Amino acid sequence: MHPENTLRRRLLLAGAAGLATAGAVPGAARARDAATVEPDIDSTGTWDARPPQGTIGVLQYRPSRIVVHHTVSANTADLSRAQAHAHAHWVQDLHLDENGWVDTGYHFLVSRGGWITEGRHGSLQSLTDGRTFVLGSHTSGQNDQAIGIACEGTYHAGAVPPDTQWDVLVALCAYVCERYGIPSAQLYGHKDYGETLCPGVYHDMLPRLREEVTAARTV
């Protein structure tokens, strides 16, 4: 694992245990309070996203759950921030140009290297505010109820997520749950709401995800 990614993983684990201090390492993670890490999220402006193809709805209430996805992209060995940005562009291009959507369907994406990118414009601002959220396009019947988080990669046929991706997904889910008051039990996979294989092995790992998110919120 690249030293940069090892450092990010250690920081997130330390932060989840209430040991991280604000500003310890710029851009890595910040401790909002003793229990929950505020992870580093690259905004749409940071990764130079294309503008939306229309108006994005902002819902004047909080989401009630999180739905986890995988993007069915290549399981790349490139764990860099640049790759996370390239992946965010790939997803946005797919959703705009092939699906005809207004913007990226997911609210946030977690790269294999543990970098978080904002997907749909406005998602990060709404999350920071904690009182509104952006209407998504990730799960039929749940787009006005759930935050959609997509993990870079394809996790069928025994593929295992990198530790760094897993740890950052836990940190992001814990933070989203804290900001929106979502119970840790309210973490689901795409296949819970439709005929799909998404999110692959991540669906089998949901019980562990709920447990680790609960631990990250209660230390």
Protein backbone atom coordinates (compact mmCIF):
# COMPACT_ATOMS: atom_id res chain seq x y z
CA MET A 1 0.00 0.00 0.00
CA HIS A 2 1.27 3.48 -0.86
CA PRO A 3 2.56 5.35 2.25
CA GLU A 4 0.07 8.18 1.63
CA ASN A 5 -2.84 5.76 1.75
CA THR A 6 -1.44 3.98 4.79
CA LEU A 7 -1.32 7.33 6.60
CA ARG A 8 -4.91 8.12 5.63
CA ARG A 9 -6.08 4.73 6.91
CA ARG A 10 -4.27 5.16 10.22
CA LEU A 11 -5.68 8.66 10.65
CA LEU A 12 -9.23 7.51 10.03
CA LEU A 13 -8.86 4.62 12.44
CA ALA A 14 -7.36 6.90 15.07
CA GLY A 15 -10.08 9.46 14.52
CA ALA A 16 -12.80 6.84 14.82
CA ALA A 17 -11.33 5.96 18.20
CA GLY A 18 -11.50 9.60 19.28
CA LEU A 19 -7.73 10.04 19.04
CA ALA A 20 -7.47 12.32 16.03
CA THR A 21 -7.00 16.01 16.65
CA ALA A 22 -8.20 18.79 14.39
CA GLY A 23 -5.50 19.85 11.97
CA ALA A 24 -3.14 16.98 12.84
CA VAL A 25 -2.47 16.34 9.16
CA PRO A 26 -3.98 18.80 6.66
CA GLY A 27 -6.60 17.29 4.39
CA ALA A 28 -6.76 13.87 6.01
CA ALA A 29 -9.53 13.85 8.61
CA ARG A 30 -10.87 16.13 11.30
CA ALA A 31 -12.43 15.27 14.61
CA ARG A 32 -15.77 17.11 14.83
CA ASP A 33 -16.36 15.66 18.28
CA ALA A 34 -15.05 12.84 20.44
CA ALA A 35 -17.00 10.16 18.64
CA THR A 36 -17.14 10.89 14.92
CA VAL A 37 -14.49 11.76 12.35
CA GLU A 38 -15.30 14.34 9.69
CA PRO A 39 -13.61 12.74 6.68
CA ASP A 40 -11.86 14.60 3.92
CA ILE A 41 -14.26 14.90 0.96
CA ASP A 42 -13.23 16.36 -2.40
CA SER A 43 -16.04 18.58 -3.65
CA THR A 44 -17.27 18.65 -7.24
CA GLY A 45 -15.24 21.82 -7.63
CA THR A 46 -12.07 20.12 -6.39
CA TRP A 47 -12.26 17.34 -8.99
CA ASP A 48 -13.55 19.75 -11.66
CA ALA A 49 -16.91 18.11 -12.30
CA ARG A 50 -19.02 19.04 -15.30
CA PRO A 51 -21.97 21.31 -14.48
CA PRO A 52 -25.37 19.64 -13.99
CA GLN A 53 -27.64 19.24 -17.01
CA GLY A 54 -30.59 20.86 -15.30
CA THR A 55 -31.85 21.73 -11.84
CA ILE A 56 -30.92 19.52 -8.90
CA GLY A 57 -33.62 19.20 -6.27
CA VAL A 58 -32.79 19.95 -2.65
CA LEU A 59 -35.15 18.26 -0.20
CA GLN A 60 -36.02 20.22 2.92
CA TYR A 61 -35.73 17.27 5.29
CA ARG A 62 -33.18 14.69 6.37
CA PRO A 63 -32.61 11.31 4.72
CA SER A 64 -33.57 8.24 6.75
CA ARG A 65 -31.00 5.71 5.49
CA ILE A 66 -27.87 5.04 3.46
CA VAL A 67 -27.73 2.78 0.41
CA VAL A 68 -24.34 1.32 -0.54
CA HIS A 69 -23.38 0.61 -4.17
CA HIS A 70 -20.39 -0.41 -6.23
CA THR A 71 -19.69 1.28 -9.55
CA VAL A 72 -18.74 -1.86 -11.53
CA SER A 73 -15.56 -0.14 -12.70
CA ALA A 74 -12.16 -1.80 -12.96
CA ASN A 75 -10.53 -3.01 -9.74
CA THR A 76 -7.56 -0.79 -10.34
CA ALA A 77 -4.30 -0.98 -8.39
CA ASP A 78 -3.96 2.81 -8.72
CA LEU A 79 -4.88 4.11 -5.28
CA SER A 80 -4.02 7.75 -5.92
CA ARG A 81 -6.16 10.82 -5.48
CA ALA A 82 -5.81 11.48 -9.21
CA GLN A 83 -7.39 8.09 -9.91
CA ALA A 84 -10.26 8.92 -7.54
CA HIS A 85 -10.89 12.09 -9.54
CA ALA A 86 -10.66 10.21 -12.85
CA HIS A 87 -13.16 7.68 -11.51
CA ALA A 88 -15.55 10.46 -10.46
CA HIS A 89 -15.37 11.84 -14.02
CA TRP A 90 -16.01 8.36 -15.47
CA VAL A 91 -19.12 7.92 -13.34
CA GLN A 92 -20.44 11.40 -14.09
CA ASP A 93 -19.90 10.98 -17.83
CA LEU A 94 -21.76 7.66 -17.72
CA HIS A 95 -24.69 9.11 -15.82
CA LEU A 96 -24.97 12.29 -17.89
CA ASP A 97 -24.20 11.00 -21.37
CA GLU A 98 -25.57 7.44 -21.30
CA ASN A 99 -28.27 7.58 -18.63
CA GLY A 100 -29.38 11.11 -19.44
CA TRP A 101 -29.50 12.13 -15.79
CA VAL A 102 -29.09 15.65 -14.46
CA ASP A 103 -25.81 14.77 -12.72
CA THR A 104 -23.99 11.90 -11.02
CA GLY A 105 -26.62 9.68 -9.43
CA TYR A 106 -24.69 8.99 -6.21
CA HIS A 107 -24.16 11.55 -3.49
CA PHE A 108 -20.63 10.37 -2.70
CA LEU A 109 -18.05 7.94 -4.05
CA VAL A 110 -15.25 6.13 -2.19
CA SER A 111 -12.24 5.16 -4.28
CA ARG A 112 -10.21 1.98 -3.86
CA GLY A 113 -7.46 4.18 -2.41
CA GLY A 114 -9.77 5.65 0.23
CA TRP A 115 -10.40 9.06 -1.33
CA ILE A 116 -13.95 10.42 -1.08
CA THR A 117 -15.42 12.51 -3.86
CA GLU A 118 -18.71 14.38 -3.87
CA GLY A 119 -20.90 12.94 -6.62
CA ARG A 120 -24.02 15.01 -7.17
CA HIS A 121 -23.55 18.77 -6.87
CA GLY A 122 -24.75 20.18 -3.56
CA SER A 123 -24.45 16.91 -1.63
CA LEU A 124 -21.50 18.05 0.46
CA GLN A 125 -23.04 21.40 1.36
CA SER A 126 -26.28 19.71 2.42
CA LEU A 127 -24.40 17.11 4.46
CA THR A 128 -22.40 19.80 6.24
CA ASP A 129 -25.62 21.67 6.99
CA GLY A 130 -27.26 18.46 8.26
CA ARG A 131 -30.84 19.60 7.65
CA THR A 132 -31.38 19.07 3.91
CA PHE A 133 -30.22 16.63 1.29
CA VAL A 134 -30.02 16.45 -2.46
CA LEU A 135 -32.44 14.33 -4.46
CA GLY A 136 -30.39 11.45 -5.88
CA SER A 137 -30.66 9.02 -8.80
CA HIS A 138 -29.16 5.84 -7.37
CA THR A 139 -31.93 3.51 -6.15
CA SER A 140 -35.47 3.24 -7.47
CA GLY A 141 -37.97 4.24 -4.79
CA GLN A 142 -35.26 5.47 -2.42
CA ASN A 143 -33.86 8.56 -4.11
CA ASP A 144 -35.88 10.91 -1.92
CA GLN A 145 -35.14 8.92 1.25
CA ALA A 146 -31.53 7.71 1.10
CA ILE A 147 -27.99 8.91 0.71
CA GLY A 148 -26.30 6.90 -2.04
CA ILE A 149 -22.63 6.00 -1.50
CA ALA A 150 -20.82 4.13 -4.28
CA CYS A 151 -17.55 2.25 -3.92
CA GLU A 152 -15.14 2.20 -6.86
CA GLY A 153 -14.70 -1.28 -8.28
CA THR A 154 -16.52 -4.52 -9.07
CA TYR A 155 -17.08 -6.86 -6.14
CA HIS A 156 -18.54 -10.02 -7.65
CA ALA A 157 -16.95 -13.48 -7.83
CA GLY A 158 -15.06 -13.22 -4.56
CA ALA A 159 -13.44 -9.82 -5.14
CA VAL A 160 -12.53 -8.21 -1.81
CA PRO A 161 -12.52 -4.44 -1.18
CA PRO A 162 -9.16 -2.93 -0.21
CA ASP A 163 -8.79 -2.23 3.52
CA THR A 164 -8.38 1.48 2.84
CA GLN A 165 -11.64 1.66 0.94
CA TRP A 166 -13.45 -0.24 3.66
CA ASP A 167 -12.10 1.92 6.49
CA VAL A 168 -12.99 5.14 4.72
CA LEU A 169 -16.47 3.83 3.88
CA VAL A 170 -16.98 3.16 7.60
CA ALA A 171 -15.79 6.67 8.47
CA LEU A 172 -18.01 8.28 5.83
CA CYS A 173 -21.09 6.30 6.85
CA ALA A 174 -20.50 7.16 10.51
CA TYR A 175 -20.21 10.85 9.66
CA VAL A 176 -23.32 10.84 7.45
CA CYS A 177 -25.27 9.04 10.18
CA GLU A 178 -24.15 11.59 12.78
CA ARG A 179 -24.92 14.64 10.65
CA TYR A 180 -28.37 13.38 9.69
CA GLY A 181 -29.33 11.44 12.81
CA ILE A 182 -29.57 8.16 10.87
CA PRO A 183 -29.47 4.98 13.02
CA SER A 184 -26.50 2.75 12.22
CA ALA A 185 -28.93 -0.07 11.52
CA GLN A 186 -30.30 1.89 8.56
CA LEU A 187 -27.46 0.91 6.20
CA TYR A 188 -28.58 -1.08 3.17
CA GLY A 189 -27.36 -2.33 -0.18
CA HIS A 190 -28.81 -1.54 -3.59
CA LYS A 191 -30.09 -5.11 -3.98
CA ASP A 192 -32.34 -4.64 -0.94
CA TYR A 193 -34.52 -2.45 -3.16
CA GLY A 194 -34.44 -4.12 -6.56
CA GLU A 195 -33.32 -6.88 -8.91
CA THR A 196 -29.59 -6.21 -9.04
CA LEU A 197 -26.33 -7.78 -7.94
CA CYS A 198 -25.10 -4.40 -6.65
CA PRO A 199 -23.16 -3.93 -4.37
CA GLY A 200 -21.68 -7.42 -4.72
CA VAL A 201 -19.75 -8.68 -1.69
CA TYR A 202 -20.43 -5.37 0.06
CA HIS A 203 -23.97 -6.60 0.60
CA ASP A 204 -22.69 -9.62 2.52
CA MET A 205 -20.54 -7.25 4.58
CA LEU A 206 -23.43 -5.01 5.65
CA PRO A 207 -23.76 -6.55 9.15
CA ARG A 208 -20.07 -5.82 9.75
CA LEU A 209 -20.49 -2.32 8.32
CA ARG A 210 -23.37 -1.57 10.72
CA GLU A 211 -21.31 -2.84 13.64
CA GLU A 212 -18.23 -0.81 12.77
CA VAL A 213 -20.26 2.33 12.09
CA THR A 214 -21.92 1.91 15.48
CA ALA A 215 -18.48 1.51 17.10
CA ALA A 216 -17.14 4.60 15.32
CA ARG A 217 -20.08 6.64 16.65
CA THR A 218 -19.96 5.47 20.26
CA VAL A 219 -16.28 5.36 21.30
